[in-house]
N, C-alpha and C. Protein backbone atom coordinates (compact mmCIF):
# COMPACT_ATOMS: atom_id res chain seq x y z
N MET A 1 0.88 -1.30 0.10
CA MET A 1 -0.05 -0.11 0.16
C MET A 1 0.96 1.34 -0.14
N ARG A 2 0.27 2.16 -0.84
CA ARG A 2 1.42 3.44 -1.05
C ARG A 2 0.44 4.42 -0.01
N LYS A 3 1.38 5.15 0.74
CA LYS A 3 0.92 6.32 1.34
C LYS A 3 0.72 7.75 0.41
N LEU A 4 -0.21 8.35 0.51
CA LEU A 4 -0.63 9.86 -0.28
C LEU A 4 0.11 11.16 0.82
N VAL A 5 0.93 11.51 0.02
CA VAL A 5 1.37 12.65 0.96
C VAL A 5 1.22 14.12 0.20
N GLU A 6 0.31 14.93 1.03
CA GLU A 6 0.16 16.17 0.25
C GLU A 6 1.16 17.45 0.93
N VAL A 7 1.37 17.95 -0.58
CA VAL A 7 2.62 18.83 -0.30
C VAL A 7 1.93 20.14 -0.67
N ALA A 8 2.43 21.51 0.03
CA ALA A 8 1.69 22.66 -0.35
C ALA A 8 2.44 23.27 -1.11
N GLY A 9 1.72 23.99 -1.75
CA GLY A 9 1.97 24.73 -2.84
C GLY A 9 2.15 24.18 -4.39
N GLU A 10 1.77 22.74 -4.30
CA GLU A 10 1.76 22.00 -5.46
C GLU A 10 0.60 21.93 -6.14
N GLY A 11 -0.03 21.43 -7.36
CA GLY A 11 -1.45 21.30 -8.08
C GLY A 11 -1.51 22.71 -8.75
N LEU A 12 -3.20 22.90 -8.22
CA LEU A 12 -3.47 24.29 -8.74
C LEU A 12 -2.76 25.19 -8.04
N GLU A 13 -2.50 25.35 -6.94
CA GLU A 13 -1.89 26.57 -6.27
C GLU A 13 -0.51 26.74 -6.80
N SER A 14 0.22 25.96 -7.42
CA SER A 14 1.51 26.14 -8.10
C SER A 14 1.16 27.12 -9.29
N LEU A 15 -0.17 27.38 -9.86
CA LEU A 15 -0.29 27.91 -10.91
C LEU A 15 -1.01 29.36 -10.64
N LEU A 16 -0.96 29.69 -9.40
CA LEU A 16 -1.51 31.04 -8.93
C LEU A 16 -0.77 32.06 -9.99
N GLY A 17 -1.60 32.75 -10.72
CA GLY A 17 -1.05 34.02 -11.60
C GLY A 17 -0.80 33.84 -13.00
N GLU A 18 -1.26 32.54 -13.08
CA GLU A 18 -0.82 31.85 -14.52
C GLU A 18 -2.27 31.71 -15.34
N LEU A 19 -2.38 32.12 -16.65
CA LEU A 19 -3.04 31.89 -17.38
C LEU A 19 -3.41 30.34 -17.56
N VAL A 20 -4.60 29.70 -17.00
CA VAL A 20 -4.54 28.52 -16.99
C VAL A 20 -5.83 28.01 -17.96
N THR A 21 -5.89 26.24 -18.40
CA THR A 21 -6.98 26.00 -19.05
C THR A 21 -7.67 25.11 -17.83
N LEU A 22 -8.76 24.99 -17.89
CA LEU A 22 -9.68 24.06 -16.79
C LEU A 22 -10.46 23.12 -17.69
N PHE A 23 -9.97 21.74 -17.85
CA PHE A 23 -10.88 20.88 -18.51
C PHE A 23 -11.69 20.38 -17.97
N CYS A 24 -12.69 20.73 -17.63
CA CYS A 24 -14.26 20.71 -16.94
C CYS A 24 -15.32 19.42 -17.44
N VAL A 25 -16.25 18.92 -16.52
CA VAL A 25 -16.84 17.66 -17.16
C VAL A 25 -17.74 18.11 -18.08
N ASN A 26 -18.17 19.70 -18.27
CA ASN A 26 -19.00 19.66 -19.24
C ASN A 26 -18.25 20.55 -20.75
N TYR A 27 -17.70 21.77 -20.14
CA TYR A 27 -16.98 22.88 -20.50
C TYR A 27 -15.51 22.52 -20.36
N PHE A 28 -14.80 23.65 -21.32
CA PHE A 28 -13.46 24.16 -20.84
C PHE A 28 -13.16 25.53 -20.56
N TYR A 29 -12.58 25.81 -19.62
CA TYR A 29 -12.58 27.11 -19.26
C TYR A 29 -11.18 27.82 -19.21
N THR A 30 -10.69 29.04 -19.49
CA THR A 30 -9.54 29.31 -19.72
C THR A 30 -9.41 31.05 -18.57
N GLY A 31 -8.39 31.18 -18.21
CA GLY A 31 -8.27 32.66 -17.22
C GLY A 31 -7.20 32.75 -16.74
N THR A 32 -7.04 34.00 -16.07
CA THR A 32 -5.94 33.93 -14.99
C THR A 32 -6.19 33.17 -13.65
N LEU A 33 -5.76 32.31 -13.09
CA LEU A 33 -5.88 31.60 -12.01
C LEU A 33 -5.70 32.54 -10.64
N THR A 34 -6.67 32.96 -10.00
CA THR A 34 -6.15 34.10 -8.68
C THR A 34 -6.79 33.47 -7.47
N GLY A 35 -7.41 32.49 -7.42
CA GLY A 35 -7.76 31.90 -6.01
C GLY A 35 -8.00 30.37 -6.03
N VAL A 36 -7.60 29.48 -4.94
CA VAL A 36 -7.72 28.25 -4.91
C VAL A 36 -7.95 27.85 -3.66
N ASN A 37 -9.36 27.05 -3.18
CA ASN A 37 -9.31 26.63 -1.93
C ASN A 37 -9.92 25.50 -2.08
N GLU A 38 -10.61 24.38 -0.95
CA GLU A 38 -10.95 22.96 -1.16
C GLU A 38 -11.96 22.74 -1.98
N THR A 39 -12.64 23.77 -2.20
CA THR A 39 -13.92 23.55 -3.35
C THR A 39 -14.21 24.16 -4.67
N CYS A 40 -13.43 25.40 -4.49
CA CYS A 40 -13.68 26.54 -5.72
C CYS A 40 -11.84 26.45 -6.20
N VAL A 41 -12.13 27.06 -7.58
CA VAL A 41 -10.81 27.83 -7.95
C VAL A 41 -11.66 29.09 -8.48
N LEU A 42 -10.87 30.28 -8.64
CA LEU A 42 -11.17 31.85 -9.19
C LEU A 42 -10.34 31.80 -9.99
N ILE A 43 -10.93 32.21 -11.69
CA ILE A 43 -10.20 32.51 -12.55
C ILE A 43 -10.82 34.11 -12.66
N ALA A 44 -9.74 35.05 -13.23
CA ALA A 44 -9.93 36.32 -13.62
C ALA A 44 -9.99 36.60 -15.39
N ASP A 45 -10.52 37.13 -15.85
CA ASP A 45 -10.78 37.54 -17.34
C ASP A 45 -11.40 36.26 -17.69
N PRO A 46 -12.34 35.53 -17.37
CA PRO A 46 -12.66 34.13 -17.70
C PRO A 46 -13.19 33.90 -19.14
N LYS A 47 -12.99 33.01 -19.97
CA LYS A 47 -13.65 32.73 -20.94
C LYS A 47 -14.24 30.92 -21.38
N ILE A 48 -15.01 30.92 -21.76
CA ILE A 48 -15.57 29.77 -21.85
C ILE A 48 -15.16 29.05 -23.46
N ILE A 49 -14.32 28.03 -23.73
CA ILE A 49 -13.88 27.64 -24.85
C ILE A 49 -14.95 26.46 -25.61
N TYR A 50 -15.42 27.14 -26.80
CA TYR A 50 -16.59 26.31 -27.19
C TYR A 50 -15.96 25.13 -28.35
N GLU A 51 -15.07 25.66 -28.72
CA GLU A 51 -14.12 25.24 -30.18
C GLU A 51 -12.62 25.51 -29.91
N THR A 52 -12.25 23.89 -29.42
CA THR A 52 -10.52 24.13 -29.36
C THR A 52 -10.02 24.43 -30.73
N GLY A 53 -10.32 24.04 -32.12
CA GLY A 53 -9.45 24.24 -33.01
C GLY A 53 -8.34 23.11 -33.28
N ALA A 54 -7.55 22.98 -33.96
CA ALA A 54 -6.16 21.82 -33.49
C ALA A 54 -5.34 22.40 -32.24
N TRP A 55 -5.13 21.45 -31.62
CA TRP A 55 -4.44 21.56 -30.63
C TRP A 55 -3.15 21.96 -30.74
N THR A 56 -2.63 22.23 -32.24
CA THR A 56 -1.17 22.66 -32.29
C THR A 56 -1.28 24.39 -32.27
N ASN A 57 -2.55 24.82 -32.66
CA ASN A 57 -2.61 26.10 -32.59
C ASN A 57 -2.53 26.90 -31.19
N ALA A 58 -1.77 28.03 -31.62
CA ALA A 58 -1.64 28.96 -30.53
C ALA A 58 -2.69 29.52 -29.85
N THR A 59 -3.73 29.88 -30.62
CA THR A 59 -5.35 29.99 -30.13
C THR A 59 -6.36 29.14 -30.27
N TRP A 60 -7.38 29.52 -29.38
CA TRP A 60 -8.41 28.65 -29.35
C TRP A 60 -9.37 29.26 -30.44
N LYS A 61 -10.17 28.29 -31.26
CA LYS A 61 -10.61 28.33 -32.33
C LYS A 61 -12.05 29.42 -32.06
N ASP A 62 -12.68 28.95 -30.75
CA ASP A 62 -14.07 29.83 -30.51
C ASP A 62 -13.87 30.04 -28.82
N ALA A 63 -13.09 30.98 -28.66
CA ALA A 63 -13.29 30.87 -27.11
C ALA A 63 -14.12 32.24 -26.56
N GLN A 64 -14.95 32.35 -25.89
CA GLN A 64 -15.71 33.68 -25.78
C GLN A 64 -15.95 33.92 -24.15
N SER A 65 -15.50 35.37 -24.21
CA SER A 65 -15.55 36.02 -22.73
C SER A 65 -16.73 36.05 -22.41
N LEU A 66 -16.73 35.83 -20.89
CA LEU A 66 -17.89 35.81 -20.16
C LEU A 66 -18.37 36.95 -19.31
N CYS A 67 -19.26 37.37 -19.34
CA CYS A 67 -20.02 38.86 -18.76
C CYS A 67 -19.64 38.91 -17.23
N THR A 68 -18.39 38.73 -17.10
CA THR A 68 -18.02 38.85 -15.44
C THR A 68 -16.58 38.91 -15.36
N ASP A 69 -15.85 39.46 -14.64
CA ASP A 69 -14.39 39.93 -14.55
C ASP A 69 -13.97 38.40 -13.78
N GLU A 70 -14.99 37.64 -13.00
CA GLU A 70 -14.36 36.68 -12.14
C GLU A 70 -15.28 35.63 -12.20
N LEU A 71 -14.67 34.33 -12.51
CA LEU A 71 -15.80 33.33 -12.25
C LEU A 71 -15.06 31.95 -11.33
N PHE A 72 -15.88 31.55 -10.56
CA PHE A 72 -15.47 30.43 -9.58
C PHE A 72 -15.98 29.30 -10.33
N VAL A 73 -15.01 28.26 -10.28
CA VAL A 73 -15.28 26.57 -10.87
C VAL A 73 -15.36 25.70 -9.76
N GLN A 74 -16.18 24.96 -9.46
CA GLN A 74 -16.18 23.64 -8.34
C GLN A 74 -14.98 22.94 -8.88
N THR A 75 -13.87 22.53 -8.03
CA THR A 75 -12.79 21.47 -8.37
C THR A 75 -13.31 20.29 -8.43
N SER A 76 -14.49 19.97 -8.07
CA SER A 76 -15.23 18.57 -8.28
C SER A 76 -15.45 18.47 -9.58
N ALA A 77 -15.68 19.48 -10.68
CA ALA A 77 -15.96 19.54 -11.72
C ALA A 77 -14.72 19.29 -12.99
N ILE A 78 -13.37 19.72 -12.28
CA ILE A 78 -12.28 19.70 -13.13
C ILE A 78 -11.40 18.43 -13.24
N GLU A 79 -11.41 17.96 -14.59
CA GLU A 79 -10.94 16.78 -14.92
C GLU A 79 -9.37 16.70 -15.03
N ALA A 80 -9.02 18.04 -15.93
CA ALA A 80 -7.76 18.15 -16.13
C ALA A 80 -7.37 19.49 -15.94
N PHE A 81 -6.48 20.13 -15.73
CA PHE A 81 -5.65 21.66 -15.82
C PHE A 81 -4.37 21.60 -16.22
N GLY A 82 -4.16 23.07 -16.23
CA GLY A 82 -2.57 23.01 -16.89
C GLY A 82 -2.44 24.48 -17.61
N VAL A 83 -1.21 24.75 -17.92
CA VAL A 83 -0.72 26.12 -18.44
C VAL A 83 -0.50 25.61 -19.76
N LEU A 84 -1.11 25.94 -20.85
CA LEU A 84 -0.84 25.56 -22.38
C LEU A 84 0.03 26.45 -23.19
N LYS A 85 0.56 26.03 -24.01
CA LYS A 85 1.91 26.57 -24.49
C LYS A 85 1.58 26.81 -26.31
């Protein structure tokens, strides 16, 4: 049996201040990660990605700004996350 050890400052916390993409159950979101807690993350200047286009492209084919400066996303809905290049 392996023991899981939580390390402070890893995972989502390590990406604070970065432009992140959140791959969630129903949608993909992108924005600057400004907050992380046990249940939610907060992204500034959020966009919802309706169509990615080719993964090799530098920009999303259809990413639309949301009508808010900040968006909370439940961590339970996040399947994967990261800073895409």
